[in-house]
PDB file of N, CA and C in Angstrom:
ATOM      1  N   MET A   1       6.065  44.533  29.172  1.00  0.00           N
ATOM      2  CA  MET A   1       5.480  45.745  28.238  1.00  0.00           C
ATOM      3  C   MET A   1       4.211  45.631  28.594  1.00  0.00           C
ATOM      4  N   GLU A   2       3.722  44.838  28.483  1.00  0.00           N
ATOM      5  CA  GLU A   2       2.142  44.717  28.754  1.00  0.00           C
ATOM      6  C   GLU A   2       1.585  44.790  29.704  1.00  0.00           C
ATOM      7  N   ALA A   3       2.332  44.789  31.125  1.00  0.00           N
ATOM      8  CA  ALA A   3       2.277  44.967  32.274  1.00  0.00           C
ATOM      9  C   ALA A   3       1.705  45.778  32.377  1.00  0.00           C
ATOM     10  N   LEU A   4       3.115  46.744  31.841  1.00  0.00           N
ATOM     11  CA  LEU A   4       3.354  48.003  32.362  1.00  0.00           C
ATOM     12  C   LEU A   4       1.995  48.963  31.445  1.00  0.00           C
ATOM     13  N   LYS A   5       1.766  48.662  30.617  1.00  0.00           N
ATOM     14  CA  LYS A   5       0.607  49.078  29.928  1.00  0.00           C
ATOM     15  C   LYS A   5      -0.951  49.147  30.516  1.00  0.00           C
ATOM     16  N   ALA A   6      -1.323  47.813  31.162  1.00  0.00           N
ATOM     17  CA  ALA A   6      -2.421  47.295  31.735  1.00  0.00           C
ATOM     18  C   ALA A   6      -2.473  48.101  33.290  1.00  0.00           C
ATOM     19  N   SER A   7      -0.696  48.505  33.624  1.00  0.00           N
ATOM     20  CA  SER A   7      -0.815  49.346  35.013  1.00  0.00           C
ATOM     21  C   SER A   7      -1.439  50.606  34.474  1.00  0.00           C
ATOM     22  N   LYS A   8      -1.115  51.669  33.634  1.00  0.00           N
ATOM     23  CA  LYS A   8      -1.500  52.386  33.224  1.00  0.00           C
ATOM     24  C   LYS A   8      -2.761  52.608  32.930  1.00  0.00           C
ATOM     25  N   VAL A   9      -3.311  51.673  32.245  1.00  0.00           N
ATOM     26  CA  VAL A   9      -4.660  51.528  32.488  1.00  0.00           C
ATOM     27  C   VAL A   9      -5.451  51.464  33.493  1.00  0.00           C
ATOM     28  N   SER A  10      -5.374  50.758  34.285  1.00  0.00           N
ATOM     29  CA  SER A  10      -5.948  50.599  35.715  1.00  0.00           C
ATOM     30  C   SER A  10      -5.470  51.806  36.646  1.00  0.00           C
ATOM     31  N   LYS A  11      -4.549  52.900  36.412  1.00  0.00           N
ATOM     32  CA  LYS A  11      -4.215  53.964  36.994  1.00  0.00           C
ATOM     33  C   LYS A  11      -5.355  55.041  36.386  1.00  0.00           C
ATOM     34  N   LYS A  12      -5.354  54.883  35.219  1.00  0.00           N
ATOM     35  CA  LYS A  12      -6.041  56.397  35.152  1.00  0.00           C
ATOM     36  C   LYS A  12      -7.757  55.571  35.128  1.00  0.00           C
ATOM     37  N   ARG A  13      -8.064  54.268  35.548  1.00  0.00           N
ATOM     38  CA  ARG A  13      -9.665  54.056  35.778  1.00  0.00           C
ATOM     39  C   ARG A  13      -9.940  54.179  36.767  1.00  0.00           C
ATOM     40  N   VAL A  14      -8.646  54.126  37.995  1.00  0.00           N
ATOM     41  CA  VAL A  14      -8.500  54.411  39.808  1.00  0.00           C
ATOM     42  C   VAL A  14      -8.677  55.904  39.393  1.00  0.00           C
ATOM     43  N   GLU A  15      -8.185  56.659  38.872  1.00  0.00           N
ATOM     44  CA  GLU A  15      -8.451  58.226  38.723  1.00  0.00           C
ATOM     45  C   GLU A  15      -9.803  58.457  38.670  1.00  0.00           C
ATOM     46  N   ARG A  16     -10.524  57.958  37.477  1.00  0.00           N
ATOM     47  CA  ARG A  16     -11.724  58.168  36.927  1.00  0.00           C
ATOM     48  C   ARG A  16     -12.489  57.958  38.154  1.00  0.00           C
ATOM     49  N   LEU A  17     -12.627  56.945  38.709  1.00  0.00           N
ATOM     50  CA  LEU A  17     -13.525  56.393  39.673  1.00  0.00           C
ATOM     51  C   LEU A  17     -13.209  57.429  40.857  1.00  0.00           C
ATOM     52  N   GLU A  18     -12.345  57.736  41.468  1.00  0.00           N
ATOM     53  CA  GLU A  18     -12.163  58.862  42.596  1.00  0.00           C
ATOM     54  C   GLU A  18     -12.777  60.050  41.923  1.00  0.00           C
ATOM     55  N   ALA A  19     -12.711  60.190  41.107  1.00  0.00           N
ATOM     56  CA  ALA A  19     -13.140  61.814  40.376  1.00  0.00           C
ATOM     57  C   ALA A  19     -14.508  61.641  40.541  1.00  0.00           C
ATOM     58  N   GLN A  20     -15.081  60.099  40.571  1.00  0.00           N
ATOM     59  CA  GLN A  20     -16.590  59.753  40.713  1.00  0.00           C
ATOM     60  C   GLN A  20     -17.022  59.963  41.800  1.00  0.00           C
ATOM     61  N   LYS A  21     -16.314  59.486  42.280  1.00  0.00           N
ATOM     62  CA  LYS A  21     -16.546  59.335  43.941  1.00  0.00           C
ATOM     63  C   LYS A  21     -16.551  60.769  44.717  1.00  0.00           C
ATOM     64  N   ALA A  22     -15.827  61.680  44.057  1.00  0.00           N
ATOM     65  CA  ALA A  22     -15.589  63.074  44.516  1.00  0.00           C
ATOM     66  C   ALA A  22     -16.716  63.819  44.106  1.00  0.00           C
ATOM     67  N   GLU A  23     -17.417  63.399  42.724  1.00  0.00           N
ATOM     68  CA  GLU A  23     -18.464  64.063  42.631  1.00  0.00           C
ATOM     69  C   GLU A  23     -19.796  63.660  43.394  1.00  0.00           C
ATOM     70  N   ILE A  24     -19.905  62.294  43.564  1.00  0.00           N
ATOM     71  CA  ILE A  24     -21.278  61.734  44.438  1.00  0.00           C
ATOM     72  C   ILE A  24     -20.400  62.556  45.372  1.00  0.00           C
ATOM     73  N   GLU A  25     -19.671  62.633  46.153  1.00  0.00           N
ATOM     74  CA  GLU A  25     -19.664  63.134  47.411  1.00  0.00           C
ATOM     75  C   GLU A  25     -19.802  64.561  47.547  1.00  0.00           C
ATOM     76  N   GLN A  26     -19.142  65.474  46.575  1.00  0.00           N
ATOM     77  CA  GLN A  26     -20.006  66.805  46.662  1.00  0.00           C
ATOM     78  C   GLN A  26     -21.466  67.007  46.233  1.00  0.00           C
ATOM     79  N   ALA A  27     -22.136  66.016  45.714  1.00  0.00           N
ATOM     80  CA  ALA A  27     -23.767  65.948  45.492  1.00  0.00           C
ATOM     81  C   ALA A  27     -24.266  65.894  47.127  1.00  0.00           C
ATOM     82  N   ARG A  28     -23.694  64.648  47.371  1.00  0.00           N
ATOM     83  CA  ARG A  28     -23.869  64.379  49.108  1.00  0.00           C
ATOM     84  C   ARG A  28     -24.624  65.549  49.753  1.00  0.00           C
ATOM     85  N   GLU A  29     -23.031  66.739  50.273  1.00  0.00           N
ATOM     86  CA  GLU A  29     -23.291  67.662  50.642  1.00  0.00           C
ATOM     87  C   GLU A  29     -23.950  68.352  49.777  1.00  0.00           C
ATOM     88  N   GLN A  30     -24.111  68.638  48.648  1.00  0.00           N
ATOM     89  CA  GLN A  30     -25.014  69.772  48.792  1.00  0.00           C
ATOM     90  C   GLN A  30     -26.633  69.599  48.782  1.00  0.00           C
ATOM     91  N   ALA A  31     -26.966  68.378  48.878  1.00  0.00           N
ATOM     92  CA  ALA A  31     -27.944  67.695  48.976  1.00  0.00           C
ATOM     93  C   ALA A  31     -28.387  67.694  50.409  1.00  0.00           C
ATOM     94  N   LEU A  32     -27.354  67.305  50.639  1.00  0.00           N
ATOM     95  CA  LEU A  32     -27.643  67.743  52.897  1.00  0.00           C
ATOM     96  C   LEU A  32     -27.544  69.078  53.167  1.00  0.00           C
ATOM     97  N   ASN A  33     -27.077  69.851  52.408  1.00  0.00           N
ATOM     98  CA  ASN A  33     -27.216  71.126  52.778  1.00  0.00           C
ATOM     99  C   ASN A  33     -28.706  72.000  52.021  1.00  0.00           C
ATOM    100  N   GLU A  34     -29.161  71.335  50.825  1.00  0.00           N
ATOM    101  CA  GLU A  34     -30.323  71.998  50.833  1.00  0.00           C
ATOM    102  C   GLU A  34     -31.542  71.089  51.904  1.00  0.00           C
ATOM    103  N   THR A  35     -31.380  69.826  52.342  1.00  0.00           N
ATOM    104  CA  THR A  35     -32.400  69.401  53.346  1.00  0.00           C
ATOM    105  C   THR A  35     -32.065  70.138  54.476  1.00  0.00           C
ATOM    106  N   TYR A  36     -30.738  70.705  54.690  1.00  0.00           N
ATOM    107  CA  TYR A  36     -30.850  71.300  56.516  1.00  0.00           C
ATOM    108  C   TYR A  36     -32.086  72.637  56.162  1.00  0.00           C
ATOM    109  N   GLU A  37     -31.746  73.013  54.660  1.00  0.00           N
ATOM    110  CA  GLU A  37     -32.043  74.856  54.811  1.00  0.00           C
ATOM    111  C   GLU A  37     -33.735  74.454  54.366  1.00  0.00           C
ATOM    112  N   GLU A  38     -34.094  73.401  54.085  1.00  0.00           N
ATOM    113  CA  GLU A  38     -35.840  73.287  53.757  1.00  0.00           C
ATOM    114  C   GLU A  38     -36.235  72.912  55.043  1.00  0.00           C
ATOM    115  N   MET A  39     -35.533  72.045  56.160  1.00  0.00           N
ATOM    116  CA  MET A  39     -35.904  71.913  57.458  1.00  0.00           C
ATOM    117  C   MET A  39     -36.049  72.981  58.617  1.00  0.00           C
ATOM    118  N   ALA A  40     -34.800  74.029  58.183  1.00  0.00           N
ATOM    119  CA  ALA A  40     -34.788  75.890  58.762  1.00  0.00           C
ATOM    120  C   ALA A  40     -36.147  76.403  58.282  1.00  0.00           C
ATOM    121  N   ARG A  41     -36.380  76.330  57.433  1.00  0.00           N
ATOM    122  CA  ARG A  41     -37.652  76.766  56.675  1.00  0.00           C
ATOM    123  C   ARG A  41     -38.775  76.439  57.147  1.00  0.00           C
ATOM    124  N   ALA A  42     -39.053  75.121  57.583  1.00  0.00           N
ATOM    125  CA  ALA A  42     -39.884  74.333  57.947  1.00  0.00           C
ATOM    126  C   ALA A  42     -40.354  74.811  59.311  1.00  0.00           C
ATOM    127  N   PHE A  43     -38.995  74.535  60.322  1.00  0.00           N
ATOM    128  CA  PHE A  43     -39.403  74.237  61.139  1.00  0.00           C
ATOM    129  C   PHE A  43     -38.629  75.265  62.129  1.00  0.00           C
ATOM    130  N   PRO A  44     -38.696  76.634  61.938  1.00  0.00           N
ATOM    131  CA  PRO A  44     -37.879  77.533  62.623  1.00  0.00           C
ATOM    132  C   PRO A  44     -38.292  77.880  64.087  1.00  0.00           C
ATOM    133  N   GLU A  45     -38.842  77.196  64.941  1.00  0.00           N
ATOM    134  CA  GLU A  45     -39.290  76.747  66.259  1.00  0.00           C
ATOM    135  C   GLU A  45     -38.003  75.817  66.772  1.00  0.00           C
ATOM    136  N   VAL A  46     -37.497  75.039  65.737  1.00  0.00           N
ATOM    137  CA  VAL A  46     -36.460  74.277  66.292  1.00  0.00           C
ATOM    138  C   VAL A  46     -34.707  74.834  66.242  1.00  0.00           C
ATOM    139  N   LEU A  47     -35.112  76.176  65.714  1.00  0.00           N
ATOM    140  CA  LEU A  47     -33.956  77.173  65.537  1.00  0.00           C
ATOM    141  C   LEU A  47     -33.923  78.007  66.701  1.00  0.00           C
ATOM    142  N   GLU A  48     -35.339  78.470  67.307  1.00  0.00           N
ATOM    143  CA  GLU A  48     -35.376  79.478  68.051  1.00  0.00           C
ATOM    144  C   GLU A  48     -35.171  78.698  69.474  1.00  0.00           C
ATOM    145  N   ALA A  49     -35.628  77.079  69.656  1.00  0.00           N
ATOM    146  CA  ALA A  49     -35.803  76.395  70.579  1.00  0.00           C
ATOM    147  C   ALA A  49     -34.126  76.244  70.951  1.00  0.00           C
ATOM    148  N   ALA A  50     -33.214  76.058  69.701  1.00  0.00           N
ATOM    149  CA  ALA A  50     -31.936  75.451  70.022  1.00  0.00           C
ATOM    150  C   ALA A  50     -31.151  76.902  71.046  1.00  0.00           C
ATOM    151  N   LEU A  51     -31.390  77.783  70.603  1.00  0.00           N
ATOM    152  CA  LEU A  51     -30.563  79.129  70.921  1.00  0.00           C
ATOM    153  C   LEU A  51     -30.028  79.510  72.267  1.00  0.00           C
ATOM    154  N   THR A  52     -30.921  78.627  73.276  1.00  0.00           N
ATOM    155  CA  THR A  52     -30.770  78.684  74.366  1.00  0.00           C
ATOM    156  C   THR A  52     -29.467  77.724  74.630  1.00  0.00           C
ATOM    157  N   SER A  53     -29.854  76.692  74.097  1.00  0.00           N
ATOM    158  CA  SER A  53     -28.236  76.049  74.320  1.00  0.00           C
ATOM    159  C   SER A  53     -26.910  75.903  73.578  1.00  0.00           C
ATOM    160  N   MET A  54     -27.442  76.314  72.369  1.00  0.00           N
ATOM    161  CA  MET A  54     -26.291  76.939  71.382  1.00  0.00           C
ATOM    162  C   MET A  54     -25.306  78.332  72.618  1.00  0.00           C
ATOM    163  N   PHE A  55     -26.048  79.014  72.852  1.00  0.00           N
ATOM    164  CA  PHE A  55     -25.061  80.272  73.732  1.00  0.00           C
ATOM    165  C   PHE A  55     -24.912  79.477  75.003  1.00  0.00           C
ATOM    166  N   ALA A  56     -25.264  78.148  75.604  1.00  0.00           N
ATOM    167  CA  ALA A  56     -25.070  78.049  76.964  1.00  0.00           C
ATOM    168  C   ALA A  56     -23.785  77.285  76.235  1.00  0.00           C
ATOM    169  N   GLU A  57     -23.365  76.821  75.795  1.00  0.00           N
ATOM    170  CA  GLU A  57     -22.603  75.488  75.020  1.00  0.00           C
ATOM    171  C   GLU A  57     -21.007  76.315  74.754  1.00  0.00           C
ATOM    172  N   ASN A  58     -21.425  77.932  73.811  1.00  0.00           N
ATOM    173  CA  ASN A  58     -20.278  78.645  72.864  1.00  0.00           C
ATOM    174  C   ASN A  58     -20.692  80.181  73.688  1.00  0.00           C
ATOM    175  N   SER A  59     -20.065  80.953  74.257  1.00  0.00           N
ATOM    176  CA  SER A  59     -20.407  82.259  74.557  1.00  0.00           C
ATOM    177  C   SER A  59     -20.172  83.240  72.950  1.00  0.00           C
ATOM    178  N   PHE A  60     -19.095  82.498  72.141  1.00  0.00           N
ATOM    179  CA  PHE A  60     -19.141  82.999  70.720  1.00  0.00           C
ATOM    180  C   PHE A  60     -20.536  83.183  70.263  1.00  0.00           C
ATOM    181  N   TYR A  61     -21.161  82.305  70.261  1.00  0.00           N
ATOM    182  CA  TYR A  61     -22.237  82.211  69.471  1.00  0.00           C
ATOM    183  C   TYR A  61     -23.080  83.463  69.566  1.00  0.00           C
ATOM    184  N   ARG A  62     -23.507  83.619  71.265  1.00  0.00           N
ATOM    185  CA  ARG A  62     -24.019  84.739  71.388  1.00  0.00           C
ATOM    186  C   ARG A  62     -23.298  86.179  70.794  1.00  0.00           C
ATOM    187  N   GLN A  63     -21.949  86.821  70.845  1.00  0.00           N
ATOM    188  CA  GLN A  63     -21.701  87.355  70.349  1.00  0.00           C
ATOM    189  C   GLN A  63     -21.938  87.981  69.104  1.00  0.00           C
ATOM    190  N   CYS A  64     -21.607  86.436  68.320  1.00  0.00           N
ATOM    191  CA  CYS A  64     -21.903  87.048  66.605  1.00  0.00           C
ATOM    192  C   CYS A  64     -23.344  86.854  66.466  1.00  0.00           C
ATOM    193  N   TYR A  65     -24.147  86.432  67.092  1.00  0.00           N
ATOM    194  CA  TYR A  65     -25.680  86.382  66.735  1.00  0.00           C
ATOM    195  C   TYR A  65     -26.242  87.747  66.653  1.00  0.00           C
ATOM    196  N   GLU A  66     -26.800  87.790  65.210  1.00  0.00           N
ATOM    197  CA  GLU A  66     -27.096  89.530  65.456  1.00  0.00           C
ATOM    198  C   GLU A  66     -28.854  89.439  66.279  1.00  0.00           C
ATOM    199  N   HIS A  67     -29.137  89.884  66.889  1.00  0.00           N
ATOM    200  CA  HIS A  67     -30.482  89.221  68.185  1.00  0.00           C
ATOM    201  C   HIS A  67     -31.750  90.562  67.339  1.00  0.00           C
ATOM    202  N   ASP A  68     -30.842  91.010  66.343  1.00  0.00           N
ATOM    203  CA  ASP A  68     -32.479  92.341  65.361  1.00  0.00           C
ATOM    204  C   ASP A  68     -33.026  91.254  64.579  1.00  0.00           C
ATOM    205  N   LYS A  69     -32.243  89.650  64.274  1.00  0.00           N
ATOM    206  CA  LYS A  69     -32.645  89.254  63.349  1.00  0.00           C
ATOM    207  C   LYS A  69     -33.066  87.730  63.248  1.00  0.00           C
ATOM    208  N   SER A  70     -34.111  87.085  62.562  1.00  0.00           N
ATOM    209  CA  SER A  70     -34.948  85.578  63.488  1.00  0.00           C
ATOM    210  C   SER A  70     -33.665  85.062  63.192  1.00  0.00           C
ATOM    211  N   PRO A  71     -33.868  83.753  64.485  1.00  0.00           N
ATOM    212  CA  PRO A  71     -32.713  82.719  63.844  1.00  0.00           C
ATOM    213  C   PRO A  71     -32.501  82.209  62.613  1.00  0.00           C
ATOM    214  N   LEU A  72     -34.015  82.238  61.990  1.00  0.00           N
ATOM    215  CA  LEU A  72     -33.184  81.821  60.310  1.00  0.00           C
ATOM    216  C   LEU A  72     -33.005  82.642  59.525  1.00  0.00           C
ATOM    217  N   GLU A  73     -32.909  83.951  59.517  1.00  0.00           N
ATOM    218  CA  GLU A  73     -31.956  85.199  59.286  1.00  0.00           C
ATOM    219  C   GLU A  73     -30.656  84.766  59.463  1.00  0.00           C
ATOM    220  N   ASN A  74     -30.209  84.162  60.750  1.00  0.00           N
ATOM    221  CA  ASN A  74     -28.968  84.233  61.327  1.00  0.00           C
ATOM    222  C   ASN A  74     -28.267  82.836  60.644  1.00  0.00           C
ATOM    223  N   TYR A  75     -29.006  81.723  60.354  1.00  0.00           N
ATOM    224  CA  TYR A  75     -28.924  80.490  60.073  1.00  0.00           C
ATOM    225  C   TYR A  75     -28.304  80.776  58.533  1.00  0.00           C
ATOM    226  N   ARG A  76     -29.260  81.337  58.054  1.00  0.00           N
ATOM    227  CA  ARG A  76     -29.269  81.708  56.087  1.00  0.00           C
ATOM    228  C   ARG A  76     -27.769  82.896  56.237  1.00  0.00           C
ATOM    229  N   ALA A  77     -27.329  83.740  57.029  1.00  0.00           N
ATOM    230  CA  ALA A  77     -26.514  84.365  57.099  1.00  0.00           C
ATOM    231  C   ALA A  77     -24.902  84.225  57.315  1.00  0.00           C
ATOM    232  N   SER A  78     -25.057  82.881  57.871  1.00  0.00           N
ATOM    233  CA  SER A  78     -23.583  82.471  58.671  1.00  0.00           C
ATOM    234  C   SER A  78     -23.177  80.999  58.633  1.00  0.00           C
ATOM    235  N   PHE A  79     -21.988  80.673  57.996  1.00  0.00           N
ATOM    236  CA  PHE A  79     -21.923  79.451  58.099  1.00  0.00           C
ATOM    237  C   PHE A  79     -21.687  78.586  59.494  1.00  0.00           C
ATOM    238  N   MET A  80     -21.292  79.418  60.346  1.00  0.00           N
ATOM    239  CA  MET A  80     -21.160  79.547  61.271  1.00  0.00           C
ATOM    240  C   MET A  80     -22.267  78.936  62.138  1.00  0.00           C
ATOM    241  N   PHE A  81     -23.400  79.568  61.671  1.00  0.00           N
ATOM    242  CA  PHE A  81     -24.610  79.295  62.298  1.00  0.00           C
ATOM    243  C   PHE A  81     -25.573  78.215  62.047  1.00  0.00           C
ATOM    244  N   LYS A  82     -24.923  78.253  60.583  1.00  0.00           N
ATOM    245  CA  LYS A  82     -25.687  76.697  59.773  1.00  0.00           C
ATOM    246  C   LYS A  82     -25.107  75.518  60.595  1.00  0.00           C
ATOM    247  N   GLU A  83     -23.712  75.677  60.791  1.00  0.00           N
ATOM    248  CA  GLU A  83     -23.546  74.029  61.429  1.00  0.00           C
ATOM    249  C   GLU A  83     -23.682  74.384  62.855  1.00  0.00           C
ATOM    250  N   ALA A  84     -23.713  75.287  63.420  1.00  0.00           N
ATOM    251  CA  ALA A  84     -24.014  75.337  64.887  1.00  0.00           C
ATOM    252  C   ALA A  84     -25.723  74.469  64.700  1.00  0.00           C
ATOM    253  N   PHE A  85     -26.750  75.135  64.450  1.00  0.00           N
ATOM    254  CA  PHE A  85     -27.846  74.218  64.322  1.00  0.00           C
ATOM    255  C   PHE A  85     -28.452  73.360  63.562  1.00  0.00           C
ATOM    256  N   ARG A  86     -27.741  72.567  62.843  1.00  0.00           N
ATOM    257  CA  ARG A  86     -27.363  71.618  62.373  1.00  0.00           C
ATOM    258  C   ARG A  86     -27.919  70.490  63.293  1.00  0.00           C
ATOM    259  N   PRO A  87     -27.452  70.057  64.330  1.00  0.00           N
ATOM    260  CA  PRO A  87     -27.439  68.708  64.864  1.00  0.00           C
ATOM    261  C   PRO A  87     -28.958  69.287  65.466  1.00  0.00           C
ATOM    262  N   TYR A  88     -29.462  70.247  65.993  1.00  0.00           N
ATOM    263  CA  TYR A  88     -30.627  69.811  67.038  1.00  0.00           C
ATOM    264  C   TYR A  88     -31.589  70.061  65.328  1.00  0.00           C
ATOM    265  N   LEU A  89     -31.381  70.377  64.126  1.00  0.00           N
ATOM    266  CA  LEU A  89     -32.261  70.205  62.770  1.00  0.00           C
ATOM    267  C   LEU A  89     -32.570  68.610  62.410  1.00  0.00           C
ATOM    268  N   GLU A  90     -30.862  68.194  62.780  1.00  0.00           N
ATOM    269  CA  GLU A  90     -31.468  66.661  62.776  1.00  0.00           C
ATOM    270  C   GLU A  90     -32.031  66.059  63.806  1.00  0.00           C
ATOM    271  N   ARG A  91     -31.943  66.339  65.027  1.00  0.00           N
ATOM    272  CA  ARG A  91     -32.052  65.765  66.102  1.00  0.00           C
ATOM    273  C   ARG A  91     -34.105  65.413  65.786  1.00  0.00           C
ATOM    274  N   HIS A  92     -34.362  66.912  65.053  1.00  0.00           N
ATOM    275  CA  HIS A  92     -36.216  67.077  65.023  1.00  0.00           C
ATOM    276  C   HIS A  92     -36.501  65.851  63.889  1.00  0.00           C
ATOM    277  N   ALA A  93     -35.609  65.828  62.857  1.00  0.00           N
ATOM    278  CA  ALA A  93     -36.229  64.775  61.779  1.00  0.00           C
ATOM    279  C   ALA A  93     -34.963  64.059  61.176  1.00  0.00           C
ATOM    280  N   PRO A  94     -34.102  62.904  61.996  1.00  0.00           N
ATOM    281  CA  PRO A  94     -33.266  62.590  62.110  1.00  0.00           C
ATOM    282  C   PRO A  94     -33.108  61.453  60.419  1.00  0.00           C
ATOM    283  N   GLU A  95     -34.593  61.472  60.403  1.00  0.00           N
ATOM    284  CA  GLU A  95     -34.615  60.085  59.163  1.00  0.00           C
ATOM    285  C   GLU A  95     -34.466  60.671  57.701  1.00  0.00           C
ATOM    286  N   ARG A  96     -35.196  62.367  57.747  1.00  0.00           N
ATOM    287  CA  ARG A  96     -34.954  62.984  56.468  1.00  0.00           C
ATOM    288  C   ARG A  96     -33.150  62.671  56.083  1.00  0.00           C
ATOM    289  N   ILE A  97     -32.413  63.077  56.960  1.00  0.00           N
ATOM    290  CA  ILE A  97     -30.975  63.562  56.881  1.00  0.00           C
ATOM    291  C   ILE A  97     -30.583  61.821  56.792  1.00  0.00           C
ATOM    292  N   GLN A  98     -30.901  61.049  57.433  1.00  0.00           N
ATOM    293  CA  GLN A  98     -30.215  59.681  57.115  1.00  0.00           C
ATOM    294  C   GLN A  98     -30.747  59.131  55.473  1.00  0.00           C
ATOM    295  N   ALA A  99     -31.824  60.057  55.071  1.00  0.00           N
ATOM    296  CA  ALA A  99     -32.561  59.460  53.731  1.00  0.00           C
ATOM    297  C   ALA A  99     -31.698  59.538  53.091  1.00  0.00           C
ATOM    298  N   VAL A 100     -30.966  60.921  52.750  1.00  0.00           N
ATOM    299  CA  VAL A 100     -29.923  61.613  52.114  1.00  0.00           C
ATOM    300  C   VAL A 100     -28.534  60.681  52.271  1.00  0.00           C
ATOM    301  N   GLN A 101     -28.164  60.741  53.264  1.00  0.00           N
ATOM    302  CA  GLN A 101     -26.935  60.050  53.342  1.00  0.00           C
ATOM    303  C   GLN A 101     -27.075  58.536  52.770  1.00  0.00           C
ATOM    304  N   THR A 102     -27.745  57.746  52.887  1.00  0.00           N
ATOM    305  CA  THR A 102     -27.993  56.204  52.777  1.00  0.00           C
ATOM    306  C   THR A 102     -27.970  56.734  51.213  1.00  0.00           C
ATOM    307  N   GLN A 103     -28.982  57.371  50.621  1.00  0.00           N
ATOM    308  CA  GLN A 103     -28.770  57.632  49.239  1.00  0.00           C
ATOM    309  C   GLN A 103     -27.772  57.460  48.684  1.00  0.00           C
ATOM    310  N   TYR A 104     -26.404  58.382  49.201  1.00  0.00           N
ATOM    311  CA  TYR A 104     -25.540  58.329  48.335  1.00  0.00           C
ATOM    312  C   TYR A 104     -24.558  57.803  49.202  1.00  0.00           C
ATOM    313  N   ALA A 105     -24.237  56.578  50.235  1.00  0.00           N
ATOM    314  CA  ALA A 105     -23.912  56.142  50.893  1.00  0.00           C
ATOM    315  C   ALA A 105     -23.888  54.444  49.896  1.00  0.00           C
ATOM    316  N   THR A 106     -24.431  54.494  49.403  1.00  0.00           N
ATOM    317  CA  THR A 106     -24.441  53.046  48.239  1.00  0.00           C
ATOM    318  C   THR A 106     -23.663  53.095  47.241  1.00  0.00           C
ATOM    319  N   GLU A 107     -23.697  54.707  46.528  1.00  0.00           N
ATOM    320  CA  GLU A 107     -22.846  54.724  45.518  1.00  0.00           C
ATOM    321  C   GLU A 107     -21.389  54.588  45.994  1.00  0.00           C
ATOM    322  N   VAL A 108     -21.635  55.651  46.859  1.00  0.00           N
ATOM    323  CA  VAL A 108     -19.567  55.868  47.668  1.00  0.00           C
ATOM    324  C   VAL A 108     -19.478  54.608  47.472  1.00  0.00           C
ATOM    325  N   ALA A 109     -19.889  53.729  48.374  1.00  0.00           N
ATOM    326  CA  ALA A 109     -19.605  52.430  49.003  1.00  0.00           C
ATOM    327  C   ALA A 109     -19.118  51.352  47.461  1.00  0.00           C
ATOM    328  N   THR A 110     -20.463  51.505  46.871  1.00  0.00           N
ATOM    329  CA  THR A 110     -19.515  50.734  45.347  1.00  0.00           C
ATOM    330  C   THR A 110     -18.871  50.852  44.422  1.00  0.00           C
ATOM    331  N   LEU A 111     -18.257  52.204  44.598  1.00  0.00           N
ATOM    332  CA  LEU A 111     -17.138  53.161  44.044  1.00  0.00           C
ATOM    333  C   LEU A 111     -16.066  52.867  44.561  1.00  0.00           C
ATOM    334  N   GLU A 112     -15.935  52.900  45.732  1.00  0.00           N
ATOM    335  CA  GLU A 112     -14.504  52.470  46.342  1.00  0.00           C
ATOM    336  C   GLU A 112     -14.568  50.980  46.479  1.00  0.00           C
ATOM    337  N   GLY A 113     -15.784  50.126  46.385  1.00  0.00           N
ATOM    338  CA  GLY A 113     -15.239  48.517  46.209  1.00  0.00           C
ATOM    339  C   GLY A 113     -14.514  48.502  44.686  1.00  0.00           C
ATOM    340  N   GLN A 114     -14.650  49.391  43.673  1.00  0.00           N
ATOM    341  CA  GLN A 114     -14.148  49.154  42.308  1.00  0.00           C
ATOM    342  C   GLN A 114     -12.868  49.502  42.176  1.00  0.00           C
ATOM    343  N   ILE A 115     -12.502  50.947  43.337  1.00  0.00           N
ATOM    344  CA  ILE A 115     -10.977  51.025  43.447  1.00  0.00           C
ATOM    345  C   ILE A 115      -9.911  50.217  44.201  1.00  0.00           C
ATOM    346  N   ALA A 116     -10.721  49.533  44.645  1.00  0.00           N
ATOM    347  CA  ALA A 116     -10.323  48.488  46.032  1.00  0.00           C
ATOM    348  C   ALA A 116     -10.024  47.199  44.677  1.00  0.00           C
ATOM    349  N   ALA A 117     -10.501  47.185  44.046  1.00  0.00           N
ATOM    350  CA  ALA A 117      -9.932  45.598  43.444  1.00  0.00           C
ATOM    351  C   ALA A 117      -9.245  46.346  42.040  1.00  0.00           C
ATOM    352  N   LEU A 118      -9.194  47.530  42.068  1.00  0.00           N
ATOM    353  CA  LEU A 118      -7.990  47.931  40.830  1.00  0.00           C
ATOM    354  C   LEU A 118      -6.801  48.273  41.424  1.00  0.00           C
ATOM    355  N   GLN A 119      -6.323  48.168  42.793  1.00  0.00           N
ATOM    356  CA  GLN A 119      -5.573  48.387  43.223  1.00  0.00           C
ATOM    357  C   GLN A 119      -4.428  47.050  43.501  1.00  0.00           C
ATOM    358  N   PRO A 120      -3.172  47.398  43.380  1.00  0.00           N
ATOM    359  CA  PRO A 120      -2.631  46.422  43.711  1.00  0.00           C
ATOM    360  C   PRO A 120      -2.191  45.345  44.528  1.00  0.00           C
ATOM    361  N   ALA A 121      -2.038  44.449  45.354  1.00  0.00           N
ATOM    362  CA  ALA A 121      -2.385  43.967  45.999  1.00  0.00           C
ATOM    363  C   ALA A 121      -0.837  44.233  46.919  1.00  0.00           C
TER     364      ALA A 121
END
């Protein structure tokens, strides 16, 4: 009976830790999105320079790109373009993206360790 109770308590703790981990991962994604947005505003020349490569990689980008709008306006208007521009922004200032990832990686790793410790062997 005592083992069953301990198992239930452990299961609930794992569920709470997994929920915390999901919250941290969501916060990391939000922080990354905000960082990319800041970089897109600060370095519009990176977006402009990326267009040639993007269009060469995927003709669909050229078709969807609104040529009467700036690269920043296209970036803001479309999830597809946000994703397409990300590698170029990251190459321009990798330390900014790495700082965000590192900040959250430690918290996620700690929670993963706690979850693993509670799992049955």
